[in-house]
Amino acid sequence: MALLWYTPTMEVPVGRGVYCNRTLNLRSVRAIGYDMDYTLIHYHVDVWEERAYEYTRANLAAQGWPVADLRFDPGSVIRGLAIDTKLGNLVKANRFGYVKRGYHGTKAMDFDAQRQAYSRDIVDLGESRFRFLNTLFSLSEACIYGQLVDLLDAGALPGRMSYEDLYERVRGALDWAHLEGKLKAEIVADPDRFVAYDKEAPLALLDQKHAGKRLMLITNSEWSYTRQIMERAFDPFLPGDMTWRELFEIVIVSARKPLFFTSPERLYEVADLAGEGLMRPVLDFVKGAVHHGGNAEQVEQWLGLDPARILYVGDHLYGDVHVSKQVRRWRTGLVLRELEGDLEALRDYRPRQRKLLDMMRTKEELELEMSDERLYAQRARKRYGPPPPGSQKAHEERMQSLRARLVELDQLITPLAIEAGALHNERWGLLMRAGNDKSLLTRSVERHADIYMSRVSNFLFQTPFTFFRSPRGSLPHDQE
């Protein structure tokens, strides 16, 4: 298939940008490592997570739990939420950890219930009670947990357990190591059902390779699965007889991230590439070979590069980005596939957003004027300070008029504000917003990802020589 042609002067489609938190000069980056699942290879999330959900549900049913009528609801959860295992809630917090929206089980929490639960508590991801949904792989787990909270509250589950006990039972039923093998067997048997092919990704990597970047594939998936999926997703879109293996200087499978970045794991070479993947221990990497395990320190030594010249791109906020940045000081890129939907929703909402902002500015002006009138009336009533410009009665009448105008304005603002809060996801709104503030997920992205994007192929709208510059940070006292 013919490769697509892009130039960096082309208009970037909505959601296909590369967004910069910390200035990154790609010219100085000499090696780029990539994760595979949900980074180089994208999946149809609803299909994948529904199968994970069904395996979990079947496991619970086999234990005698009344879960036959439960169904996966893909709209009920998004990445960036936190499960509060102490209270059985699913919550979305802003960058400071204050809960802005919450569900107890599958039931929305009203303002009073939310305030009662979290008036003294913030979402602190360092506390064991909060489990952060920082990857798309956790959506099925959160969905069924919320449904089981409803059953627990109704007294329909066997035995006595807390919400935290329930979460541990769900984790046990998920049995990820066992589940992953079953799911991957299904994917290999019918990849077109699960894999969302991106024919532009191979070209993005070709650009980087021919620009002198040393490319690496570092994945937790085992060799057999990696080989079959990469062949299916990459080889048809490479020139001539080129294969995906030729893109990468080293391939590391079964990397066991995040331990790959923190621990001295043993290194093996996969000796039987076409068969069962038999391995032999080795002391160092071999160019062009496939390796099993190893660790990031060995990679740095083999490349002979300072950590600041290595960029690692992945989708897992902790296992890929946080640890590689915090421990190894590699440069980092995060793939947020859902970002495209957010930005498309914002584009479509923009005319109404301008209308909402105009009305909010008018509301602020009226509120300021009402505050003035209230202060004038107070001074007139208490007889202190400089004389107000009118009588106490005049200021009180003006307050009543302003209050009526604010009520009318709120009636116009409310439906637009509700619509803004439900963009892209009716329950939770935008991925990176919590009300008017940044979400807790966004704060984590800012701290650990130098750049972020919706797909690896977004690099096509830049070049391998781009100097990414972070925007000037805004402060509340900045002048517009």
Protein backbone atom coordinates (compact mmCIF):
# COMPACT_ATOMS: atom_id res chain seq x y z
CA MET A 1 0.00 0.00 0.00
CA ALA A 2 1.27 3.46 -0.90
CA LEU A 3 2.54 5.55 1.98
CA LEU A 4 0.78 8.79 2.80
CA TRP A 5 2.52 12.10 2.28
CA TYR A 6 2.53 14.85 4.87
CA THR A 7 4.47 18.04 5.39
CA PRO A 8 4.68 19.94 8.67
CA THR A 9 3.16 23.02 7.03
CA MET A 10 -0.14 21.19 6.50
CA GLU A 11 -3.09 22.13 8.68
CA VAL A 12 -3.16 19.69 11.56
CA PRO A 13 -6.51 17.83 11.81
CA VAL A 14 -8.44 18.21 15.04
CA GLY A 15 -6.90 16.10 17.78
CA ARG A 16 -3.80 15.14 15.77
CA GLY A 17 -1.36 17.58 17.34
CA VAL A 18 1.63 16.88 19.58
CA TYR A 19 1.19 18.96 22.72
CA CYS A 20 4.10 20.11 24.85
CA ASN A 21 4.33 20.42 28.64
CA ARG A 22 8.10 20.72 28.87
CA THR A 23 10.31 22.04 26.09
CA LEU A 24 11.72 19.16 24.04
CA ASN A 25 14.16 19.49 21.15
CA LEU A 26 13.79 16.38 19.00
CA ARG A 27 17.08 17.22 17.31
CA SER A 28 18.86 16.37 20.56
CA VAL A 29 16.98 13.07 21.02
CA ARG A 30 19.10 10.24 19.70
CA ALA A 31 16.95 7.23 20.67
CA ILE A 32 13.19 6.72 20.90
CA GLY A 33 11.60 3.76 22.66
CA TYR A 34 7.98 2.75 22.12
CA ASP A 35 5.49 0.69 24.08
CA MET A 36 3.24 -1.50 21.92
CA ASP A 37 -0.29 -2.00 23.31
CA TYR A 38 -2.38 1.19 23.04
CA THR A 39 0.74 3.02 21.80
CA LEU A 40 1.94 1.61 18.49
CA ILE A 41 -1.06 -0.73 18.37
CA HIS A 42 -4.52 0.65 19.11
CA TYR A 43 -7.52 -1.48 19.95
CA HIS A 44 -11.26 -1.01 19.70
CA VAL A 45 -11.64 -0.20 23.38
CA ASP A 46 -15.29 -1.19 23.71
CA VAL A 47 -14.65 -4.61 22.15
CA TRP A 48 -11.52 -5.35 24.19
CA GLU A 49 -12.94 -4.14 27.50
CA GLU A 50 -16.25 -5.92 26.96
CA ARG A 51 -14.40 -9.22 26.60
CA ALA A 52 -12.39 -8.49 29.77
CA TYR A 53 -15.64 -7.62 31.53
CA GLU A 54 -17.29 -10.86 30.39
CA TYR A 55 -14.39 -13.01 31.62
CA THR A 56 -14.59 -11.28 35.02
CA ARG A 57 -18.37 -11.66 35.20
CA ALA A 58 -18.14 -15.35 34.29
CA ASN A 59 -15.57 -15.88 37.04
CA LEU A 60 -17.87 -14.28 39.61
CA ALA A 61 -20.88 -16.24 38.33
CA ALA A 62 -18.92 -19.46 38.81
CA GLN A 63 -18.56 -18.46 42.48
CA GLY A 64 -22.33 -18.18 42.81
CA TRP A 65 -22.66 -14.40 42.55
CA PRO A 66 -25.91 -13.05 41.00
CA VAL A 67 -24.29 -11.29 38.04
CA ALA A 68 -26.09 -12.91 35.09
CA ASP A 69 -28.00 -9.73 34.25
CA LEU A 70 -25.01 -7.36 34.37
CA ARG A 71 -23.77 -5.85 31.11
CA PHE A 72 -20.70 -3.81 30.20
CA ASP A 73 -21.50 -0.09 29.94
CA PRO A 74 -18.61 1.63 28.07
CA GLY A 75 -19.97 5.12 28.80
CA SER A 76 -19.98 4.62 32.56
CA VAL A 77 -16.25 5.08 33.08
CA ILE A 78 -13.33 6.97 31.54
CA ARG A 79 -9.63 7.07 32.17
CA GLY A 80 -8.56 9.48 34.91
CA LEU A 81 -11.23 8.58 37.47
CA ALA A 82 -10.45 7.20 40.92
CA ILE A 83 -12.17 4.33 42.69
CA ASP A 84 -12.68 5.15 46.36
CA THR A 85 -12.61 1.66 47.84
CA LYS A 86 -13.48 2.97 51.30
CA LEU A 87 -16.86 4.41 50.27
CA GLY A 88 -17.64 2.47 47.09
CA ASN A 89 -17.53 5.59 44.94
CA LEU A 90 -16.18 6.43 41.51
CA VAL A 91 -15.00 10.04 41.46
CA LYS A 92 -13.47 12.66 39.21
CA ALA A 93 -11.21 15.16 40.94
CA ASN A 94 -9.58 18.38 39.87
CA ARG A 95 -5.81 18.98 39.92
CA PHE A 96 -5.90 19.73 43.65
CA GLY A 97 -7.69 16.46 44.46
CA TYR A 98 -11.07 18.04 45.21
CA VAL A 99 -13.94 15.86 44.01
CA LYS A 100 -15.98 17.59 41.31
CA ARG A 101 -18.24 14.72 40.30
CA GLY A 102 -19.01 11.35 41.82
CA TYR A 103 -21.06 8.16 41.57
CA HIS A 104 -21.83 5.76 44.37
CA GLY A 105 -21.95 2.48 42.51
CA THR A 106 -23.84 3.45 39.35
CA LYS A 107 -25.90 6.21 40.99
CA ALA A 108 -24.90 9.85 40.60
CA MET A 109 -24.09 11.62 43.87
CA ASP A 110 -25.91 14.91 44.33
CA PHE A 111 -24.13 17.98 45.68
CA ASP A 112 -25.05 17.36 49.31
CA ALA A 113 -23.97 13.70 49.27
CA GLN A 114 -20.72 14.62 47.55
CA ARG A 115 -19.98 17.41 50.02
CA GLN A 116 -20.74 15.16 52.98
CA ALA A 117 -18.39 12.46 51.68
CA TYR A 118 -15.49 14.69 50.66
CA SER A 119 -15.74 17.99 52.55
CA ARG A 120 -12.69 16.95 54.61
CA ASP A 121 -11.05 14.52 52.19
CA ILE A 122 -9.24 15.04 48.93
CA VAL A 123 -8.26 12.39 46.40
CA ASP A 124 -4.68 11.58 47.32
CA LEU A 125 -3.31 8.91 45.01
CA GLY A 126 -0.74 8.04 47.64
CA GLU A 127 -3.51 6.63 49.83
CA SER A 128 -4.36 2.97 49.31
CA ARG A 129 -8.11 3.69 49.38
CA PHE A 130 -7.89 5.40 45.97
CA ARG A 131 -7.23 3.36 42.83
CA PHE A 132 -6.46 5.57 39.85
CA LEU A 133 -7.74 4.54 36.42
CA ASN A 134 -4.63 5.56 34.51
CA THR A 135 -4.94 3.17 31.58
CA LEU A 136 -7.67 2.03 29.20
CA PHE A 137 -7.16 -1.52 30.49
CA SER A 138 -8.86 -0.58 33.79
CA LEU A 139 -12.27 0.45 32.38
CA SER A 140 -13.92 -2.97 32.61
CA GLU A 141 -12.75 -3.38 36.19
CA ALA A 142 -14.26 -0.03 37.24
CA CYS A 143 -17.52 -0.70 35.39
CA ILE A 144 -18.23 -4.02 37.10
CA TYR A 145 -17.08 -2.71 40.48
CA GLY A 146 -19.69 0.07 40.33
CA GLN A 147 -22.42 -2.42 39.44
CA LEU A 148 -21.40 -4.74 42.26
CA VAL A 149 -21.52 -1.87 44.76
CA ASP A 150 -25.23 -1.57 43.89
CA LEU A 151 -25.70 -5.29 44.57
CA LEU A 152 -23.74 -5.08 47.82
CA ASP A 153 -25.89 -2.19 49.04
CA ALA A 154 -29.00 -4.19 48.17
CA GLY A 155 -27.74 -7.16 50.24
CA ALA A 156 -27.64 -9.36 47.14
CA LEU A 157 -24.02 -10.55 47.41
CA PRO A 158 -22.98 -13.59 49.44
CA GLY A 159 -21.19 -13.08 52.73
CA ARG A 160 -20.28 -9.93 54.61
CA MET A 161 -17.79 -7.58 53.03
CA SER A 162 -16.75 -3.94 52.89
CA TYR A 163 -16.40 -1.90 49.71
CA GLU A 164 -12.65 -2.50 49.94
CA ASP A 165 -13.19 -6.25 50.28
CA LEU A 166 -15.43 -6.08 47.22
CA TYR A 167 -12.72 -4.36 45.22
CA GLU A 168 -10.22 -7.06 46.11
CA ARG A 169 -12.73 -9.73 45.06
CA VAL A 170 -13.13 -7.98 41.69
CA ARG A 171 -9.36 -7.82 41.28
CA GLY A 172 -9.14 -11.50 42.08
CA ALA A 173 -11.89 -12.35 39.59
CA LEU A 174 -10.14 -10.30 36.94
CA ASP A 175 -7.05 -12.49 37.40
CA TRP A 176 -5.20 -10.36 34.87
CA ALA A 177 -2.33 -12.74 34.14
CA HIS A 178 -4.78 -15.50 33.20
CA LEU A 179 -7.21 -13.15 31.46
CA GLU A 180 -4.53 -11.55 29.32
CA GLY A 181 -3.63 -14.89 27.80
CA LYS A 182 -7.25 -15.63 26.87
CA LEU A 183 -7.84 -12.19 25.40
CA LYS A 184 -4.67 -12.20 23.38
CA ALA A 185 -5.54 -15.60 21.96
CA GLU A 186 -8.85 -14.14 20.78
CA ILE A 187 -7.09 -11.12 19.26
CA VAL A 188 -4.58 -13.23 17.35
CA ALA A 189 -7.41 -15.43 16.06
CA ASP A 190 -9.45 -12.43 14.85
CA PRO A 191 -7.27 -9.27 14.84
CA ASP A 192 -9.59 -7.28 12.60
CA ARG A 193 -12.25 -7.41 15.30
CA PHE A 194 -9.99 -5.99 18.01
CA VAL A 195 -7.23 -3.93 16.36
CA ALA A 196 -7.79 -0.36 15.14
CA TYR A 197 -5.16 -0.21 12.39
CA ASP A 198 -3.22 3.02 11.94
CA LYS A 199 -1.53 2.83 8.55
CA GLU A 200 0.19 6.17 9.20
CA ALA A 201 2.23 4.97 12.22
CA PRO A 202 4.87 3.07 10.17
CA LEU A 203 5.62 6.21 8.14
CA ALA A 204 6.11 8.26 11.31
CA LEU A 205 8.68 5.73 12.54
CA LEU A 206 10.38 5.59 9.13
CA ASP A 207 10.84 9.37 9.27
CA GLN A 208 12.49 9.07 12.67
CA LYS A 209 14.68 6.13 11.71
CA HIS A 210 16.01 7.80 8.56
CA ALA A 211 16.61 10.98 10.55
CA GLY A 212 19.13 9.03 12.63
CA LYS A 213 16.97 8.15 15.63
CA ARG A 214 17.72 4.75 17.14
CA LEU A 215 14.30 3.14 17.58
CA MET A 216 13.40 0.58 20.24
CA LEU A 217 10.30 -1.46 20.99
CA ILE A 218 9.92 -2.10 24.74
CA THR A 219 6.71 -3.96 25.58
CA ASN A 220 5.33 -6.11 28.37
CA SER A 221 3.70 -8.43 25.82
CA GLU A 222 5.37 -11.76 25.13
CA TRP A 223 7.21 -12.47 21.88
CA SER A 224 4.62 -14.68 20.17
CA TYR A 225 1.87 -12.08 20.55
CA THR A 226 4.15 -9.15 19.69
CA ARG A 227 5.34 -10.79 16.50
CA GLN A 228 1.88 -11.66 15.21
CA ILE A 229 0.27 -8.32 16.02
CA MET A 230 3.14 -6.18 14.70
CA GLU A 231 3.25 -8.20 11.48
CA ARG A 232 -0.47 -7.64 10.99
CA ALA A 233 -0.53 -3.96 11.91
CA PHE A 234 2.78 -2.73 10.44
CA ASP A 235 4.09 -4.90 7.60
CA PRO A 236 1.30 -4.14 5.05
CA PHE A 237 2.06 -0.42 5.34
CA LEU A 238 5.85 -0.58 4.96
CA PRO A 239 7.61 -0.17 1.59
CA GLY A 240 8.54 -3.22 -0.49
CA ASP A 241 9.50 -6.29 1.48
CA MET A 242 10.43 -4.35 4.61
CA THR A 243 9.19 -5.80 7.89
CA TRP A 244 8.50 -4.16 11.24
CA ARG A 245 11.64 -5.74 12.73
CA GLU A 246 13.78 -3.54 10.47
CA LEU A 247 12.38 -0.41 12.07
CA PHE A 248 13.86 -1.18 15.49
CA GLU A 249 17.46 -1.44 16.58
CA ILE A 250 16.42 -3.51 19.57
CA VAL A 251 13.18 -5.25 20.48
CA ILE A 252 12.47 -6.06 24.14
CA VAL A 253 9.46 -8.21 25.03
CA SER A 254 8.16 -9.30 28.46
CA ALA A 255 9.84 -6.16 29.84
CA ARG A 256 7.85 -6.26 33.10
CA LYS A 257 7.42 -2.49 33.29
CA PRO A 258 7.54 -0.66 35.63
CA LEU A 259 10.20 -3.04 37.07
CA PHE A 260 12.12 -2.60 33.81
CA PHE A 261 12.91 0.97 34.91
CA THR A 262 13.66 0.22 38.56
CA SER A 263 15.16 -3.26 38.99
CA PRO A 264 18.15 -5.22 37.59
CA GLU A 265 16.07 -7.80 35.73
CA ARG A 266 17.86 -10.65 33.87
CA LEU A 267 18.35 -10.31 30.13
CA TYR A 268 17.65 -13.09 27.63
CA GLU A 269 17.74 -13.38 23.87
CA VAL A 270 14.80 -15.04 22.12
CA ALA A 271 16.60 -17.73 20.15
CA ASP A 272 13.66 -19.48 18.47
CA LEU A 273 11.91 -16.56 16.74
CA ALA A 274 9.66 -18.63 14.50
CA GLY A 275 8.76 -21.29 17.05
CA GLU A 276 7.97 -21.32 20.74
CA GLY A 277 10.27 -18.42 21.60
CA LEU A 278 12.95 -20.41 23.44
CA MET A 279 15.44 -18.18 25.24
CA ARG A 280 19.09 -18.11 26.22
CA PRO A 281 20.68 -15.82 28.82
CA VAL A 282 22.95 -13.06 27.46
CA LEU A 283 25.04 -10.36 29.09
CA ASP A 284 24.27 -7.56 26.66
CA PHE A 285 21.95 -6.58 23.85
CA VAL A 286 22.59 -7.72 20.31
CA LYS A 287 21.67 -5.32 17.53
CA GLY A 288 18.70 -6.60 15.53
CA ALA A 289 17.92 -9.41 17.99
CA VAL A 290 14.80 -9.89 20.08
CA HIS A 291 15.34 -9.73 23.82
CA HIS A 292 13.32 -10.83 26.82
CA GLY A 293 13.47 -8.82 30.04
CA GLY A 294 16.52 -6.75 30.87
CA ASN A 295 16.40 -3.27 32.33
CA ALA A 296 16.64 0.39 31.43
CA GLU A 297 20.16 0.83 32.82
CA GLN A 298 21.43 -1.81 30.41
CA VAL A 299 19.68 0.03 27.58
CA GLU A 300 21.42 3.30 28.48
CA GLN A 301 24.81 1.60 28.65
CA TRP A 302 24.31 -0.23 25.35
CA LEU A 303 23.16 2.94 23.58
CA GLY A 304 25.96 4.96 25.17
CA LEU A 305 23.58 7.89 25.64
CA ASP A 306 22.78 10.33 28.39
CA PRO A 307 19.19 9.78 29.69
CA ALA A 308 18.18 13.23 28.41
CA ARG A 309 18.79 12.00 24.84
CA ILE A 310 16.35 9.08 25.17
CA LEU A 311 12.61 9.57 24.60
CA TYR A 312 10.15 6.90 25.70
CA VAL A 313 6.55 6.93 24.44
CA GLY A 314 3.79 4.90 26.06
CA ASP A 315 0.15 4.96 27.14
CA HIS A 316 0.40 3.94 30.81
CA LEU A 317 0.74 7.02 32.97
CA TYR A 318 2.61 5.16 35.71
CA GLY A 319 4.24 2.10 34.12
CA ASP A 320 5.50 3.94 31.04
CA VAL A 321 5.77 7.65 31.75
CA HIS A 322 5.98 8.31 35.48
CA VAL A 323 8.67 5.74 36.25
CA SER A 324 10.85 6.37 33.20
CA LYS A 325 10.82 10.09 34.05
CA GLN A 326 11.13 9.81 37.83
CA VAL A 327 13.73 7.03 38.03
CA ARG A 328 15.69 7.17 34.76
CA ARG A 329 15.17 10.83 33.80
CA TRP A 330 14.32 9.84 30.23
CA ARG A 331 12.29 12.27 28.17
CA THR A 332 8.68 11.12 27.97
CA GLY A 333 5.71 11.08 25.63
CA LEU A 334 2.20 9.93 26.56
CA VAL A 335 -0.41 8.57 24.14
CA LEU A 336 -3.99 9.54 25.08
CA ARG A 337 -6.17 8.02 22.39
CA GLU A 338 -9.36 9.58 23.81
CA LEU A 339 -7.96 13.08 23.31
CA GLU A 340 -9.25 13.14 19.73
CA GLY A 341 -12.84 12.73 20.89
CA ASP A 342 -12.39 15.50 23.46
CA LEU A 343 -11.04 17.96 20.91
CA GLU A 344 -13.68 17.09 18.32
CA ALA A 345 -16.40 17.68 20.92
CA LEU A 346 -14.83 21.02 21.86
CA ARG A 347 -14.67 22.06 18.21
CA ASP A 348 -18.37 21.35 17.71
CA TYR A 349 -19.28 23.13 20.95
CA ARG A 350 -17.17 26.25 20.26
CA PRO A 351 -19.98 28.56 19.03
CA ARG A 352 -22.04 27.80 22.14
CA GLN A 353 -18.94 28.09 24.29
CA ARG A 354 -18.41 31.66 23.08
CA LYS A 355 -22.02 32.43 23.92
CA LEU A 356 -21.55 30.88 27.39
CA LEU A 357 -18.37 32.88 28.02
CA ASP A 358 -20.07 36.11 26.97
CA MET A 359 -22.94 35.47 29.37
CA MET A 360 -20.53 34.56 32.17
CA ARG A 361 -18.71 37.85 31.67
CA THR A 362 -22.02 39.68 31.85
CA LYS A 363 -22.88 37.76 35.01
CA GLU A 364 -19.56 38.73 36.61
CA GLU A 365 -20.21 42.41 35.79
CA LEU A 366 -23.71 42.26 37.28
CA GLU A 367 -22.40 40.48 40.39
CA LEU A 368 -19.75 43.17 40.88
CA GLU A 369 -22.35 45.89 40.50
CA MET A 370 -24.64 44.12 42.96
CA SER A 371 -21.77 43.85 45.46
CA ASP A 372 -21.23 47.61 45.16
CA GLU A 373 -24.91 48.30 45.78
CA ARG A 374 -24.92 45.94 48.75
CA LEU A 375 -21.95 47.74 50.29
CA TYR A 376 -23.51 51.18 49.67
CA ALA A 377 -26.75 50.05 51.32
CA GLN A 378 -24.80 48.63 54.27
CA ARG A 379 -22.90 51.90 54.81
CA ALA A 380 -26.11 53.92 54.55
CA ARG A 381 -27.87 51.61 57.02
CA LYS A 382 -24.98 51.51 59.52
CA ARG A 383 -24.07 55.19 58.95
CA TYR A 384 -20.30 54.87 58.57
CA GLY A 385 -17.68 55.66 55.95
CA PRO A 386 -18.00 58.13 53.08
CA PRO A 387 -21.57 58.97 52.05
CA PRO A 388 -22.92 56.56 49.39
CA PRO A 389 -23.98 58.00 46.00
CA GLY A 390 -27.69 57.37 46.73
CA SER A 391 -30.14 56.63 49.48
CA GLN A 392 -30.38 53.30 51.27
CA LYS A 393 -33.73 52.65 49.58
CA ALA A 394 -32.34 53.43 46.12
CA HIS A 395 -29.48 51.00 46.58
CA GLU A 396 -31.80 48.25 47.87
CA GLU A 397 -34.14 48.72 44.89
CA ARG A 398 -31.16 48.54 42.53
CA MET A 399 -30.11 45.29 44.25
CA GLN A 400 -33.55 43.77 43.62
CA SER A 401 -33.37 44.73 39.94
CA LEU A 402 -29.90 43.25 39.57
CA ARG A 403 -30.96 40.06 41.36
CA ALA A 404 -33.85 39.59 38.91
CA ARG A 405 -31.50 40.06 35.94
CA LEU A 406 -29.10 37.47 37.41
CA VAL A 407 -31.91 34.95 37.82
CA GLU A 408 -32.90 35.43 34.17
CA LEU A 409 -29.29 35.11 33.08
CA ASP A 410 -28.79 31.92 35.10
CA GLN A 411 -31.75 30.36 33.30
CA LEU A 412 -29.90 30.94 30.02
CA ILE A 413 -26.51 29.84 31.35
CA THR A 414 -27.60 26.60 33.05
CA PRO A 415 -28.42 24.49 29.96
CA LEU A 416 -25.18 25.55 28.22
CA ALA A 417 -23.16 24.80 31.36
CA ILE A 418 -24.79 21.37 31.66
CA GLU A 419 -23.99 20.69 28.02
CA ALA A 420 -20.37 21.79 28.54
CA GLY A 421 -20.06 19.40 31.49
CA ALA A 422 -21.24 16.45 29.39
CA LEU A 423 -19.02 16.93 26.33
CA HIS A 424 -17.68 13.64 24.94
CA ASN A 425 -18.99 11.68 27.95
CA GLU A 426 -22.42 12.35 29.41
CA ARG A 427 -21.43 11.27 32.92
CA TRP A 428 -17.90 12.55 33.26
CA GLY A 429 -17.35 15.19 30.60
CA LEU A 430 -13.95 15.88 29.07
CA LEU A 431 -10.94 13.72 29.90
CA MET A 432 -8.66 16.57 30.94
CA ARG A 433 -11.17 18.91 32.58
CA ALA A 434 -12.96 18.80 35.92
CA GLY A 435 -15.46 21.63 35.70
CA ASN A 436 -13.53 24.75 34.71
CA ASP A 437 -10.33 23.38 36.23
CA LYS A 438 -7.79 20.85 35.05
CA SER A 439 -8.53 17.27 36.05
CA LEU A 440 -6.33 15.20 38.34
CA LEU A 441 -5.30 13.21 35.27
CA THR A 442 -4.16 16.42 33.57
CA ARG A 443 -2.04 17.32 36.58
CA SER A 444 -0.32 13.93 36.37
CA VAL A 445 0.21 14.35 32.62
CA GLU A 446 1.76 17.78 33.19
CA ARG A 447 4.14 16.44 35.83
CA HIS A 448 5.41 13.39 34.01
CA ALA A 449 4.86 13.70 30.23
CA ASP A 450 7.07 16.13 28.33
CA ILE A 451 4.76 15.78 25.32
CA TYR A 452 1.43 14.06 24.76
CA MET A 453 -0.64 13.11 21.72
CA SER A 454 -3.56 10.95 20.64
CA ARG A 455 -1.50 8.68 18.36
CA VAL A 456 2.13 8.02 17.51
CA SER A 457 1.29 8.95 13.90
CA ASN A 458 0.68 12.53 15.07
CA PHE A 459 4.45 12.91 14.69
CA LEU A 460 3.75 13.07 10.94
CA PHE A 461 2.42 16.59 11.37
CA GLN A 462 5.75 17.60 12.88
CA THR A 463 9.22 16.44 11.82
CA PRO A 464 11.97 14.43 13.55
CA PHE A 465 13.75 17.78 13.95
CA THR A 466 10.97 19.75 15.65
CA PHE A 467 11.73 21.95 18.65
CA PHE A 468 8.66 21.54 20.87
CA ARG A 469 8.26 24.59 23.10
CA SER A 470 5.90 24.60 26.03
CA PRO A 471 3.42 27.50 26.10
CA ARG A 472 3.88 30.26 28.63
CA GLY A 473 2.13 29.20 31.81
CA SER A 474 -0.84 31.40 32.70
CA LEU A 475 -1.36 32.80 36.20
CA PRO A 476 -4.52 34.23 37.74
CA HIS A 477 -2.97 37.72 37.85
CA ASP A 478 -1.89 37.71 34.19
CA GLN A 479 -3.44 40.43 32.03
CA GLU A 480 -5.62 39.16 29.19
